[in-house]
Amino acid sequence: MDAYDKGSDARRGQDGSGGPAGPDRPDGEADAAETAAPEADGAPEAAGAREAADVPEVAVVPEAAGTAEVAGAAEAAGAPKALGAADAAGAVRPAPPGTAQPAAPRTGVAALSPRYQVGAVVALAVVAVAVCAHIGMVFLHLAPSNTLTKQHGDVVDEWVFPEFEQNWKLFAPNPLQQNVSVQVRAEVATADGEIRTTGWYDLSAEDGRAIDGNPLPSHTQQNELRRAWDFFVASHDSDDRPVGLRGTLSETYLRRIALLRLDRDGAAGPGGVVERVQYRSRTTNVEPPPWSGEKVSDRPTVRELPWWSVSAETRGAKSGQTGQAAREGGAA
């Protein structure tokens, strides 16, 4: 039995350690040395295989390079997948390549339906054409005489006057340095058949009161009377005789303005009719600044025009009054 036991120990020592076991080392120490020897000799592949097969992977945050390869190996081995920082924070991962991205919301005209898009394009085209036509008309009005203005000057004037008239006197070498006050009075046929003469109505002062303090005065209040008087002065000689057809046209224009203003002021009175009107202007020089040293007269210059009959303009009013009287008589 002793010999058999000794032989058995000898063989175990040769198979496990490659040499005979020392007489002083117990069997447990020999086995432990044999088990630890392969790891000490540097066999990482065998140790990694045992860890992948037996030990579950711990969830870590990938920070160092090569994290993707380690995670792939763990998934291939069936280990639980590690949670990344983006998953832990609840962030949305980017879509994989080839996945359709959601379209961005449309804004502006593109957000409209096709029918409204067509309407918007048509409206913009009309506005653009109108603006270009207006700019072209104003340019021809201001440009020197040329072939277009000679052939189509009437069309240009009808478009420009009076709303879009341009006045460049502000940039002239001698801008206006006078205050011109235009006044009018009338002869009125009263309902009793008498003729009376009204006082002078200061039409320029009326326009001035309408403009003063008004942030958006009308074109009529600013320019109608002033431009009509300039038109008259430019188309008449020093004896107030018209020069050409423009002179006669300026007189008609002034008569109609007088009738409108007198009717607004109630100059004729109840049942009265304006028979004639008379204009006059009162021109006063603007006082120069003290530092200029310029001396100008402060005496006003008065220009009084002859009486003008307005029977052609008031014929409709007379006929209207006659018809009204006839109707009142028939009703009585």
C-alpha atoms as a PDB file:
ATOM      1  CA  MET A   1       0.000   0.000   0.000  1.00  0.00           C
ATOM      2  CA  ASP A   2       2.824   2.407   0.764  1.00  0.00           C
ATOM      3  CA  ALA A   3       4.553   1.620  -2.496  1.00  0.00           C
ATOM      4  CA  TYR A   4       1.347   2.103  -4.445  1.00  0.00           C
ATOM      5  CA  ASP A   5       0.668   5.410  -2.728  1.00  0.00           C
ATOM      6  CA  LYS A   6       4.189   6.669  -3.455  1.00  0.00           C
ATOM      7  CA  GLY A   7       3.932   5.680  -7.106  1.00  0.00           C
ATOM      8  CA  SER A   8       0.624   7.479  -7.359  1.00  0.00           C
ATOM      9  CA  ASP A   9       2.120  10.665  -5.935  1.00  0.00           C
ATOM     10  CA  ALA A  10       4.987  10.481  -8.377  1.00  0.00           C
ATOM     11  CA  ARG A  11       2.749  10.209 -11.400  1.00  0.00           C
ATOM     12  CA  ARG A  12       0.506  13.096 -10.178  1.00  0.00           C
ATOM     13  CA  GLY A  13       3.517  15.271  -9.817  1.00  0.00           C
ATOM     14  CA  GLN A  14       4.727  14.558 -13.349  1.00  0.00           C
ATOM     15  CA  ASP A  15       1.325  15.162 -15.003  1.00  0.00           C
ATOM     16  CA  GLY A  16       0.435  18.383 -13.109  1.00  0.00           C
ATOM     17  CA  SER A  17       3.744  20.200 -12.839  1.00  0.00           C
ATOM     18  CA  GLY A  18       6.066  18.579 -15.345  1.00  0.00           C
ATOM     19  CA  GLY A  19       8.450  17.331 -12.577  1.00  0.00           C
ATOM     20  CA  PRO A  20       8.411  15.453  -9.336  1.00  0.00           C
ATOM     21  CA  ALA A  21       6.781  17.119  -6.440  1.00  0.00           C
ATOM     22  CA  GLY A  22       9.092  18.200  -3.697  1.00  0.00           C
ATOM     23  CA  PRO A  23       9.064  16.127  -0.618  1.00  0.00           C
ATOM     24  CA  ASP A  24       8.383  19.125   1.588  1.00  0.00           C
ATOM     25  CA  ARG A  25       5.472  20.651  -0.452  1.00  0.00           C
ATOM     26  CA  PRO A  26       1.966  19.425   0.325  1.00  0.00           C
ATOM     27  CA  ASP A  27      -0.426  18.381  -2.413  1.00  0.00           C
ATOM     28  CA  GLY A  28      -2.729  21.460  -1.991  1.00  0.00           C
ATOM     29  CA  GLU A  29       0.089  23.887  -2.623  1.00  0.00           C
ATOM     30  CA  ALA A  30       1.165  22.018  -5.693  1.00  0.00           C
ATOM     31  CA  ASP A  31      -2.319  22.125  -7.155  1.00  0.00           C
ATOM     32  CA  ALA A  32      -2.621  25.854  -6.471  1.00  0.00           C
ATOM     33  CA  ALA A  33       0.695  26.506  -8.157  1.00  0.00           C
ATOM     34  CA  GLU A  34      -0.390  24.506 -11.186  1.00  0.00           C
ATOM     35  CA  THR A  35      -3.660  26.429 -11.417  1.00  0.00           C
ATOM     36  CA  ALA A  36      -2.037  29.872 -11.215  1.00  0.00           C
ATOM     37  CA  ALA A  37       0.867  29.079 -13.486  1.00  0.00           C
ATOM     38  CA  PRO A  38      -0.916  29.606 -16.863  1.00  0.00           C
ATOM     39  CA  GLU A  39      -2.194  33.083 -15.801  1.00  0.00           C
ATOM     40  CA  ALA A  40       1.208  34.137 -14.624  1.00  0.00           C
ATOM     41  CA  ASP A  41       2.704  33.036 -17.946  1.00  0.00           C
ATOM     42  CA  GLY A  42       0.418  35.644 -19.719  1.00  0.00           C
ATOM     43  CA  ALA A  43      -2.566  33.956 -21.427  1.00  0.00           C
ATOM     44  CA  PRO A  44      -5.084  36.891 -21.752  1.00  0.00           C
ATOM     45  CA  GLU A  45      -7.129  35.193 -24.428  1.00  0.00           C
ATOM     46  CA  ALA A  46      -8.154  32.316 -22.167  1.00  0.00           C
ATOM     47  CA  ALA A  47      -8.988  34.674 -19.300  1.00  0.00           C
ATOM     48  CA  GLY A  48     -11.063  36.927 -21.566  1.00  0.00           C
ATOM     49  CA  ALA A  49     -12.994  33.948 -22.898  1.00  0.00           C
ATOM     50  CA  ARG A  50     -13.841  32.809 -19.397  1.00  0.00           C
ATOM     51  CA  GLU A  51     -15.005  36.307 -18.453  1.00  0.00           C
ATOM     52  CA  ALA A  52     -17.204  36.596 -21.598  1.00  0.00           C
ATOM     53  CA  ALA A  53     -18.765  33.217 -21.040  1.00  0.00           C
ATOM     54  CA  ASP A  54     -19.297  33.287 -17.273  1.00  0.00           C
ATOM     55  CA  VAL A  55     -19.207  36.865 -15.934  1.00  0.00           C
ATOM     56  CA  PRO A  56     -21.974  39.390 -16.951  1.00  0.00           C
ATOM     57  CA  GLU A  57     -20.685  42.701 -18.338  1.00  0.00           C
ATOM     58  CA  VAL A  58     -20.909  45.764 -16.108  1.00  0.00           C
ATOM     59  CA  ALA A  59     -22.728  48.866 -17.512  1.00  0.00           C
ATOM     60  CA  VAL A  60     -20.164  51.621 -18.143  1.00  0.00           C
ATOM     61  CA  VAL A  61     -20.135  54.990 -19.902  1.00  0.00           C
ATOM     62  CA  PRO A  62     -17.913  54.783 -22.994  1.00  0.00           C
ATOM     63  CA  GLU A  63     -15.223  57.418 -22.638  1.00  0.00           C
ATOM     64  CA  ALA A  64     -11.991  55.983 -23.986  1.00  0.00           C
ATOM     65  CA  ALA A  65     -11.235  55.039 -27.574  1.00  0.00           C
ATOM     66  CA  GLY A  66     -12.222  51.532 -28.605  1.00  0.00           C
ATOM     67  CA  THR A  67     -15.435  51.476 -26.638  1.00  0.00           C
ATOM     68  CA  ALA A  68     -17.485  50.511 -29.689  1.00  0.00           C
ATOM     69  CA  GLU A  69     -15.330  47.421 -30.294  1.00  0.00           C
ATOM     70  CA  VAL A  70     -15.656  46.303 -26.656  1.00  0.00           C
ATOM     71  CA  ALA A  71     -19.428  46.742 -26.741  1.00  0.00           C
ATOM     72  CA  GLY A  72     -19.659  44.801 -29.991  1.00  0.00           C
ATOM     73  CA  ALA A  73     -17.738  41.923 -28.523  1.00  0.00           C
ATOM     74  CA  ALA A  74     -19.979  41.894 -25.464  1.00  0.00           C
ATOM     75  CA  GLU A  75     -23.132  41.814 -27.625  1.00  0.00           C
ATOM     76  CA  ALA A  76     -21.721  38.947 -29.690  1.00  0.00           C
ATOM     77  CA  ALA A  77     -21.069  36.995 -26.491  1.00  0.00           C
ATOM     78  CA  GLY A  78     -24.646  37.491 -25.287  1.00  0.00           C
ATOM     79  CA  ALA A  79     -23.784  39.847 -22.435  1.00  0.00           C
ATOM     80  CA  PRO A  80     -26.166  42.625 -21.384  1.00  0.00           C
ATOM     81  CA  LYS A  81     -25.640  45.794 -23.430  1.00  0.00           C
ATOM     82  CA  ALA A  82     -23.911  48.672 -21.651  1.00  0.00           C
ATOM     83  CA  LEU A  83     -25.864  51.909 -21.283  1.00  0.00           C
ATOM     84  CA  GLY A  84     -24.231  54.937 -22.954  1.00  0.00           C
ATOM     85  CA  ALA A  85     -24.276  58.554 -21.775  1.00  0.00           C
ATOM     86  CA  ALA A  86     -26.795  59.571 -24.461  1.00  0.00           C
ATOM     87  CA  ASP A  87     -29.163  56.743 -23.453  1.00  0.00           C
ATOM     88  CA  ALA A  88     -28.881  57.639 -19.803  1.00  0.00           C
ATOM     89  CA  ALA A  89     -29.693  61.310 -20.524  1.00  0.00           C
ATOM     90  CA  GLY A  90     -32.731  60.440 -22.678  1.00  0.00           C
ATOM     91  CA  ALA A  91     -31.320  62.037 -25.838  1.00  0.00           C
ATOM     92  CA  VAL A  92     -32.630  61.035 -29.270  1.00  0.00           C
ATOM     93  CA  ARG A  93     -30.127  59.155 -31.335  1.00  0.00           C
ATOM     94  CA  PRO A  94     -29.610  60.277 -34.939  1.00  0.00           C
ATOM     95  CA  ALA A  95     -31.536  58.324 -37.518  1.00  0.00           C
ATOM     96  CA  PRO A  96     -29.522  55.687 -39.352  1.00  0.00           C
ATOM     97  CA  PRO A  97     -28.375  56.478 -42.880  1.00  0.00           C
ATOM     98  CA  GLY A  98     -31.080  56.134 -45.507  1.00  0.00           C
ATOM     99  CA  THR A  99     -33.939  57.049 -43.148  1.00  0.00           C
ATOM    100  CA  ALA A 100     -36.225  59.870 -44.450  1.00  0.00           C
ATOM    101  CA  GLN A 101     -35.932  63.070 -42.362  1.00  0.00           C
ATOM    102  CA  PRO A 102     -39.124  65.057 -41.482  1.00  0.00           C
ATOM    103  CA  ALA A 103     -39.644  68.077 -43.755  1.00  0.00           C
ATOM    104  CA  ALA A 104     -39.128  71.545 -42.240  1.00  0.00           C
ATOM    105  CA  PRO A 105     -42.305  73.673 -41.848  1.00  0.00           C
ATOM    106  CA  ARG A 106     -42.938  76.069 -44.750  1.00  0.00           C
ATOM    107  CA  THR A 107     -43.166  79.807 -44.141  1.00  0.00           C
ATOM    108  CA  GLY A 108     -44.162  82.899 -46.117  1.00  0.00           C
ATOM    109  CA  VAL A 109     -45.780  82.496 -49.513  1.00  0.00           C
ATOM    110  CA  ALA A 110     -44.682  78.861 -49.639  1.00  0.00           C
ATOM    111  CA  ALA A 111     -47.029  78.084 -46.730  1.00  0.00           C
ATOM    112  CA  LEU A 112     -50.067  79.141 -48.787  1.00  0.00           C
ATOM    113  CA  SER A 113     -52.130  76.806 -50.890  1.00  0.00           C
ATOM    114  CA  PRO A 114     -51.392  76.780 -54.654  1.00  0.00           C
ATOM    115  CA  ARG A 115     -54.493  78.881 -55.399  1.00  0.00           C
ATOM    116  CA  TYR A 116     -53.472  81.617 -52.983  1.00  0.00           C
ATOM    117  CA  GLN A 117     -49.881  81.453 -54.194  1.00  0.00           C
ATOM    118  CA  VAL A 118     -51.091  82.224 -57.718  1.00  0.00           C
ATOM    119  CA  GLY A 119     -53.186  85.114 -56.374  1.00  0.00           C
ATOM    120  CA  ALA A 120     -50.223  86.539 -54.460  1.00  0.00           C
ATOM    121  CA  VAL A 121     -47.999  86.350 -57.542  1.00  0.00           C
ATOM    122  CA  VAL A 122     -50.627  88.082 -59.701  1.00  0.00           C
ATOM    123  CA  ALA A 123     -51.110  90.837 -57.093  1.00  0.00           C
ATOM    124  CA  LEU A 124     -47.355  91.447 -56.850  1.00  0.00           C
ATOM    125  CA  ALA A 125     -47.090  91.580 -60.635  1.00  0.00           C
ATOM    126  CA  VAL A 126     -49.901  94.157 -60.885  1.00  0.00           C
ATOM    127  CA  VAL A 127     -48.326  96.322 -58.179  1.00  0.00           C
ATOM    128  CA  ALA A 128     -44.925  96.116 -59.876  1.00  0.00           C
ATOM    129  CA  VAL A 129     -46.383  97.125 -63.246  1.00  0.00           C
ATOM    130  CA  ALA A 130     -48.296 100.047 -61.677  1.00  0.00           C
ATOM    131  CA  VAL A 131     -45.201 101.318 -59.845  1.00  0.00           C
ATOM    132  CA  CYS A 132     -43.069 101.092 -62.995  1.00  0.00           C
ATOM    133  CA  ALA A 133     -45.728 102.916 -65.041  1.00  0.00           C
ATOM    134  CA  HIS A 134     -46.020 105.680 -62.428  1.00  0.00           C
ATOM    135  CA  ILE A 135     -42.257 106.159 -62.237  1.00  0.00           C
ATOM    136  CA  GLY A 136     -42.083 106.296 -66.034  1.00  0.00           C
ATOM    137  CA  MET A 137     -44.843 108.925 -66.234  1.00  0.00           C
ATOM    138  CA  VAL A 138     -43.197 111.124 -63.612  1.00  0.00           C
ATOM    139  CA  PHE A 139     -39.835 110.768 -65.355  1.00  0.00           C
ATOM    140  CA  LEU A 140     -41.319 111.871 -68.682  1.00  0.00           C
ATOM    141  CA  HIS A 141     -43.020 114.781 -66.914  1.00  0.00           C
ATOM    142  CA  LEU A 142     -39.702 116.010 -65.477  1.00  0.00           C
ATOM    143  CA  ALA A 143     -37.481 115.135 -68.437  1.00  0.00           C
ATOM    144  CA  PRO A 144     -36.688 117.670 -71.154  1.00  0.00           C
ATOM    145  CA  SER A 145     -38.850 117.720 -74.256  1.00  0.00           C
ATOM    146  CA  ASN A 146     -38.340 114.581 -76.333  1.00  0.00           C
ATOM    147  CA  THR A 147     -40.140 112.446 -78.904  1.00  0.00           C
ATOM    148  CA  LEU A 148     -42.295 110.646 -76.327  1.00  0.00           C
ATOM    149  CA  THR A 149     -43.434 113.819 -74.579  1.00  0.00           C
ATOM    150  CA  LYS A 150     -44.239 115.452 -77.913  1.00  0.00           C
ATOM    151  CA  GLN A 151     -46.420 112.545 -79.017  1.00  0.00           C
ATOM    152  CA  HIS A 152     -47.897 111.514 -75.657  1.00  0.00           C
ATOM    153  CA  GLY A 153     -47.604 114.678 -73.583  1.00  0.00           C
ATOM    154  CA  ASP A 154     -51.371 114.857 -73.022  1.00  0.00           C
ATOM    155  CA  VAL A 155     -51.444 111.363 -71.523  1.00  0.00           C
ATOM    156  CA  VAL A 156     -48.532 112.195 -69.225  1.00  0.00           C
ATOM    157  CA  ASP A 157     -50.186 115.433 -68.069  1.00  0.00           C
ATOM    158  CA  GLU A 158     -53.489 113.672 -67.376  1.00  0.00           C
ATOM    159  CA  TRP A 159     -51.683 111.168 -65.166  1.00  0.00           C
ATOM    160  CA  VAL A 160     -49.453 113.654 -63.322  1.00  0.00           C
ATOM    161  CA  PHE A 161     -51.775 116.615 -62.778  1.00  0.00           C
ATOM    162  CA  PRO A 162     -52.762 117.502 -60.174  1.00  0.00           C
ATOM    163  CA  GLU A 163     -52.007 114.744 -57.662  1.00  0.00           C
ATOM    164  CA  PHE A 164     -48.430 113.884 -58.689  1.00  0.00           C
ATOM    165  CA  GLU A 165     -47.144 117.245 -59.840  1.00  0.00           C
ATOM    166  CA  GLN A 166     -43.481 117.881 -59.070  1.00  0.00           C
ATOM    167  CA  ASN A 167     -42.160 121.280 -58.026  1.00  0.00           C
ATOM    168  CA  TRP A 168     -38.417 121.865 -57.870  1.00  0.00           C
ATOM    169  CA  LYS A 169     -38.463 125.446 -56.625  1.00  0.00           C
ATOM    170  CA  LEU A 170     -36.824 124.397 -53.392  1.00  0.00           C
ATOM    171  CA  PHE A 171     -33.621 123.663 -55.320  1.00  0.00           C
ATOM    172  CA  ALA A 172     -33.782 126.754 -57.550  1.00  0.00           C
ATOM    173  CA  PRO A 173     -31.065 129.436 -57.238  1.00  0.00           C
ATOM    174  CA  ASN A 174     -33.733 131.867 -55.991  1.00  0.00           C
ATOM    175  CA  PRO A 175     -36.416 130.032 -54.017  1.00  0.00           C
ATOM    176  CA  LEU A 176     -39.657 131.808 -53.214  1.00  0.00           C
ATOM    177  CA  GLN A 177     -39.110 134.630 -50.757  1.00  0.00           C
ATOM    178  CA  GLN A 178     -42.620 136.086 -50.754  1.00  0.00           C
ATOM    179  CA  ASN A 179     -45.909 135.385 -49.057  1.00  0.00           C
ATOM    180  CA  VAL A 180     -48.794 135.527 -51.533  1.00  0.00           C
ATOM    181  CA  SER A 181     -52.332 135.797 -50.182  1.00  0.00           C
ATOM    182  CA  VAL A 182     -55.149 135.145 -52.673  1.00  0.00           C
ATOM    183  CA  GLN A 183     -58.547 136.652 -51.888  1.00  0.00           C
ATOM    184  CA  VAL A 184     -61.918 136.656 -53.677  1.00  0.00           C
ATOM    185  CA  ARG A 185     -65.251 138.404 -53.436  1.00  0.00           C
ATOM    186  CA  ALA A 186     -68.547 138.015 -55.301  1.00  0.00           C
ATOM    187  CA  GLU A 187     -71.612 139.817 -56.589  1.00  0.00           C
ATOM    188  CA  VAL A 188     -74.692 137.926 -55.457  1.00  0.00           C
ATOM    189  CA  ALA A 189     -78.238 138.093 -56.790  1.00  0.00           C
ATOM    190  CA  THR A 190     -80.412 137.702 -53.716  1.00  0.00           C
ATOM    191  CA  ALA A 191     -83.816 136.063 -53.554  1.00  0.00           C
ATOM    192  CA  ASP A 192     -85.415 139.538 -53.543  1.00  0.00           C
ATOM    193  CA  GLY A 193     -83.821 140.395 -56.903  1.00  0.00           C
ATOM    194  CA  GLU A 194     -81.192 142.721 -55.467  1.00  0.00           C
ATOM    195  CA  ILE A 195     -77.447 142.658 -56.184  1.00  0.00           C
ATOM    196  CA  ARG A 196     -75.072 142.800 -53.300  1.00  0.00           C
ATOM    197  CA  THR A 197     -71.290 142.588 -53.078  1.00  0.00           C
ATOM    198  CA  THR A 198     -69.688 140.394 -50.451  1.00  0.00           C
ATOM    199  CA  GLY A 199     -66.537 141.166 -48.539  1.00  0.00           C
ATOM    200  CA  TRP A 200     -63.120 139.735 -49.360  1.00  0.00           C
ATOM    201  CA  TYR A 201     -62.639 136.077 -48.441  1.00  0.00           C
ATOM    202  CA  ASP A 202     -58.990 135.236 -47.746  1.00  0.00           C
ATOM    203  CA  LEU A 203     -58.749 131.814 -49.379  1.00  0.00           C
ATOM    204  CA  SER A 204     -55.025 131.438 -48.579  1.00  0.00           C
ATOM    205  CA  ALA A 205     -55.705 132.047 -44.892  1.00  0.00           C
ATOM    206  CA  GLU A 206     -58.406 129.367 -44.953  1.00  0.00           C
ATOM    207  CA  ASP A 207     -55.935 126.868 -46.386  1.00  0.00           C
ATOM    208  CA  GLY A 208     -53.349 127.899 -43.835  1.00  0.00           C
ATOM    209  CA  ARG A 209     -55.736 127.281 -40.947  1.00  0.00           C
ATOM    210  CA  ALA A 210     -56.619 123.858 -42.383  1.00  0.00           C
ATOM    211  CA  ILE A 211     -52.922 122.911 -42.691  1.00  0.00           C
ATOM    212  CA  ASP A 212     -51.740 124.310 -39.359  1.00  0.00           C
ATOM    213  CA  GLY A 213     -51.500 121.513 -36.800  1.00  0.00           C
ATOM    214  CA  ASN A 214     -52.599 118.874 -39.304  1.00  0.00           C
ATOM    215  CA  PRO A 215     -49.980 116.089 -39.603  1.00  0.00           C
ATOM    216  CA  LEU A 216     -51.507 114.857 -42.881  1.00  0.00           C
ATOM    217  CA  PRO A 217     -52.934 117.826 -44.811  1.00  0.00           C
ATOM    218  CA  SER A 218     -54.577 117.082 -48.139  1.00  0.00           C
ATOM    219  CA  HIS A 219     -53.020 117.905 -51.474  1.00  0.00           C
ATOM    220  CA  THR A 220     -55.950 120.237 -52.196  1.00  0.00           C
ATOM    221  CA  GLN A 221     -55.333 122.292 -49.076  1.00  0.00           C
ATOM    222  CA  GLN A 222     -51.633 122.628 -49.823  1.00  0.00           C
ATOM    223  CA  ASN A 223     -51.434 123.134 -53.565  1.00  0.00           C
ATOM    224  CA  GLU A 224     -54.778 123.648 -55.331  1.00  0.00           C
ATOM    225  CA  LEU A 225     -55.115 127.419 -54.855  1.00  0.00           C
ATOM    226  CA  ARG A 226     -51.393 128.139 -54.939  1.00  0.00           C
ATOM    227  CA  ARG A 227     -50.792 126.253 -58.172  1.00  0.00           C
ATOM    228  CA  ALA A 228     -53.913 127.727 -59.786  1.00  0.00           C
ATOM    229  CA  TRP A 229     -52.688 131.246 -59.044  1.00  0.00           C
ATOM    230  CA  ASP A 230     -49.173 130.452 -60.337  1.00  0.00           C
ATOM    231  CA  PHE A 231     -50.788 129.026 -63.477  1.00  0.00           C
ATOM    232  CA  PHE A 232     -52.726 132.239 -63.993  1.00  0.00           C
ATOM    233  CA  VAL A 233     -49.731 134.535 -63.452  1.00  0.00           C
ATOM    234  CA  ALA A 234     -47.543 132.502 -65.825  1.00  0.00           C
ATOM    235  CA  SER A 235     -50.161 132.557 -68.618  1.00  0.00           C
ATOM    236  CA  HIS A 236     -51.129 136.291 -68.440  1.00  0.00           C
ATOM    237  CA  ASP A 237     -49.286 139.479 -69.217  1.00  0.00           C
ATOM    238  CA  SER A 238     -48.897 142.534 -66.969  1.00  0.00           C
ATOM    239  CA  ASP A 239     -52.312 143.836 -68.119  1.00  0.00           C
ATOM    240  CA  ASP A 240     -54.028 140.562 -67.044  1.00  0.00           C
ATOM    241  CA  ARG A 241     -54.665 139.517 -70.637  1.00  0.00           C
ATOM    242  CA  PRO A 242     -54.428 135.791 -71.367  1.00  0.00           C
ATOM    243  CA  VAL A 243     -51.553 134.504 -73.476  1.00  0.00           C
ATOM    244  CA  GLY A 244     -52.812 131.615 -75.607  1.00  0.00           C
ATOM    245  CA  LEU A 245     -55.287 128.928 -74.681  1.00  0.00           C
ATOM    246  CA  ARG A 246     -53.573 128.193 -71.380  1.00  0.00           C
ATOM    247  CA  GLY A 247     -54.490 131.688 -70.186  1.00  0.00           C
ATOM    248  CA  THR A 248     -58.189 131.106 -70.834  1.00  0.00           C
ATOM    249  CA  LEU A 249     -57.976 127.703 -69.172  1.00  0.00           C
ATOM    250  CA  SER A 250     -56.397 129.242 -66.055  1.00  0.00           C
ATOM    251  CA  GLU A 251     -59.261 131.745 -65.759  1.00  0.00           C
ATOM    252  CA  THR A 252     -61.847 128.963 -65.933  1.00  0.00           C
ATOM    253  CA  TYR A 253     -59.950 127.041 -63.291  1.00  0.00           C
ATOM    254  CA  LEU A 254     -59.878 130.034 -60.924  1.00  0.00           C
ATOM    255  CA  ARG A 255     -63.597 130.757 -61.414  1.00  0.00           C
ATOM    256  CA  ARG A 256     -64.538 127.219 -60.466  1.00  0.00           C
ATOM    257  CA  ILE A 257     -62.326 127.311 -57.386  1.00  0.00           C
ATOM    258  CA  ALA A 258     -63.970 130.595 -56.360  1.00  0.00           C
ATOM    259  CA  LEU A 259     -67.458 129.144 -56.688  1.00  0.00           C
ATOM    260  CA  LEU A 260     -66.544 126.075 -54.635  1.00  0.00           C
ATOM    261  CA  ARG A 261     -64.983 128.135 -51.851  1.00  0.00           C
ATOM    262  CA  LEU A 262     -67.786 130.741 -51.771  1.00  0.00           C
ATOM    263  CA  ASP A 263     -70.420 128.020 -51.637  1.00  0.00           C
ATOM    264  CA  ARG A 264     -68.533 126.366 -48.785  1.00  0.00           C
ATOM    265  CA  ASP A 265     -68.504 129.671 -46.881  1.00  0.00           C
ATOM    266  CA  GLY A 266     -72.176 130.365 -47.622  1.00  0.00           C
ATOM    267  CA  ALA A 267     -71.433 133.683 -49.330  1.00  0.00           C
ATOM    268  CA  ALA A 268     -74.598 133.705 -51.487  1.00  0.00           C
ATOM    269  CA  GLY A 269     -76.924 133.289 -48.539  1.00  0.00           C
ATOM    270  CA  PRO A 270     -80.392 131.661 -48.617  1.00  0.00           C
ATOM    271  CA  GLY A 271     -81.803 131.754 -52.147  1.00  0.00           C
ATOM    272  CA  GLY A 272     -78.900 133.826 -53.511  1.00  0.00           C
ATOM    273  CA  VAL A 273     -76.872 133.097 -56.648  1.00  0.00           C
ATOM    274  CA  VAL A 274     -73.310 134.234 -57.377  1.00  0.00           C
ATOM    275  CA  GLU A 275     -73.250 136.306 -60.586  1.00  0.00           C
ATOM    276  CA  ARG A 276     -69.634 137.505 -60.764  1.00  0.00           C
ATOM    277  CA  VAL A 277     -66.369 136.989 -58.897  1.00  0.00           C
ATOM    278  CA  GLN A 278     -63.241 139.059 -58.529  1.00  0.00           C
ATOM    279  CA  TYR A 279     -59.770 137.996 -57.410  1.00  0.00           C
ATOM    280  CA  ARG A 280     -56.933 139.939 -55.898  1.00  0.00           C
ATOM    281  CA  SER A 281     -53.547 138.999 -54.518  1.00  0.00           C
ATOM    282  CA  ARG A 282     -51.566 140.566 -51.708  1.00  0.00           C
ATOM    283  CA  THR A 283     -47.812 139.888 -51.928  1.00  0.00           C
ATOM    284  CA  THR A 284     -45.461 140.588 -49.022  1.00  0.00           C
ATOM    285  CA  ASN A 285     -41.717 140.028 -48.951  1.00  0.00           C
ATOM    286  CA  VAL A 286     -40.362 137.606 -46.372  1.00  0.00           C
ATOM    287  CA  GLU A 287     -38.179 139.425 -43.884  1.00  0.00           C
ATOM    288  CA  PRO A 288     -34.539 138.320 -44.285  1.00  0.00           C
ATOM    289  CA  PRO A 289     -32.533 137.084 -41.280  1.00  0.00           C
ATOM    290  CA  PRO A 290     -30.651 139.741 -39.261  1.00  0.00           C
ATOM    291  CA  TRP A 291     -27.200 138.447 -40.197  1.00  0.00           C
ATOM    292  CA  SER A 292     -27.785 138.769 -43.969  1.00  0.00           C
ATOM    293  CA  GLY A 293     -27.767 142.555 -44.079  1.00  0.00           C
ATOM    294  CA  GLU A 294     -30.300 142.497 -46.940  1.00  0.00           C
ATOM    295  CA  LYS A 295     -32.928 145.223 -47.057  1.00  0.00           C
ATOM    296  CA  VAL A 296     -36.369 144.559 -48.565  1.00  0.00           C
ATOM    297  CA  SER A 297     -39.577 146.546 -48.652  1.00  0.00           C
ATOM    298  CA  ASP A 298     -42.222 145.581 -46.135  1.00  0.00           C
ATOM    299  CA  ARG A 299     -45.046 147.243 -48.093  1.00  0.00           C
ATOM    300  CA  PRO A 300     -47.452 144.709 -49.665  1.00  0.00           C
ATOM    301  CA  THR A 301     -48.092 144.671 -53.394  1.00  0.00           C
ATOM    302  CA  VAL A 302     -51.755 144.293 -54.371  1.00  0.00           C
ATOM    303  CA  ARG A 303     -52.868 142.932 -57.755  1.00  0.00           C
ATOM    304  CA  GLU A 304     -56.590 143.172 -58.423  1.00  0.00           C
ATOM    305  CA  LEU A 305     -58.160 141.327 -61.353  1.00  0.00           C
ATOM    306  CA  PRO A 306     -61.285 142.417 -63.262  1.00  0.00           C
ATOM    307  CA  TRP A 307     -64.706 140.980 -62.535  1.00  0.00           C
ATOM    308  CA  TRP A 308     -65.436 137.647 -64.155  1.00  0.00           C
ATOM    309  CA  SER A 309     -68.926 136.439 -64.964  1.00  0.00           C
ATOM    310  CA  VAL A 310     -69.706 132.968 -63.753  1.00  0.00           C
ATOM    311  CA  SER A 311     -73.021 132.573 -65.579  1.00  0.00           C
ATOM    312  CA  ALA A 312     -71.754 129.496 -67.433  1.00  0.00           C
ATOM    313  CA  GLU A 313     -70.800 127.826 -64.169  1.00  0.00           C
ATOM    314  CA  THR A 314     -73.977 128.862 -62.296  1.00  0.00           C
ATOM    315  CA  ARG A 315     -76.467 128.126 -65.087  1.00  0.00           C
ATOM    316  CA  GLY A 316     -77.114 124.680 -63.647  1.00  0.00           C
ATOM    317  CA  ALA A 317     -77.777 126.158 -60.208  1.00  0.00           C
ATOM    318  CA  LYS A 318     -80.282 128.660 -61.619  1.00  0.00           C
ATOM    319  CA  SER A 319     -82.113 126.013 -63.588  1.00  0.00           C
ATOM    320  CA  GLY A 320     -82.212 123.804 -60.510  1.00  0.00           C
ATOM    321  CA  GLN A 321     -83.734 126.601 -58.448  1.00  0.00           C
ATOM    322  CA  THR A 322     -86.319 127.343 -61.198  1.00  0.00           C
ATOM    323  CA  GLY A 323     -87.354 123.707 -61.334  1.00  0.00           C
ATOM    324  CA  GLN A 324     -87.622 123.567 -57.570  1.00  0.00           C
ATOM    325  CA  ALA A 325     -89.843 126.705 -57.514  1.00  0.00           C
ATOM    326  CA  ALA A 326     -92.060 125.229 -60.225  1.00  0.00           C
ATOM    327  CA  ARG A 327     -92.475 122.029 -58.229  1.00  0.00           C
ATOM    328  CA  GLU A 328     -93.302 123.976 -55.089  1.00  0.00           C
ATOM    329  CA  GLY A 329     -95.932 126.028 -57.042  1.00  0.00           C
ATOM    330  CA  GLY A 330     -97.505 122.893 -58.497  1.00  0.00           C
ATOM    331  CA  ALA A 331     -97.703 121.325 -55.089  1.00  0.00           C
ATOM    332  CA  ALA A 332     -99.419 124.425 -53.691  1.00  0.00           C
END
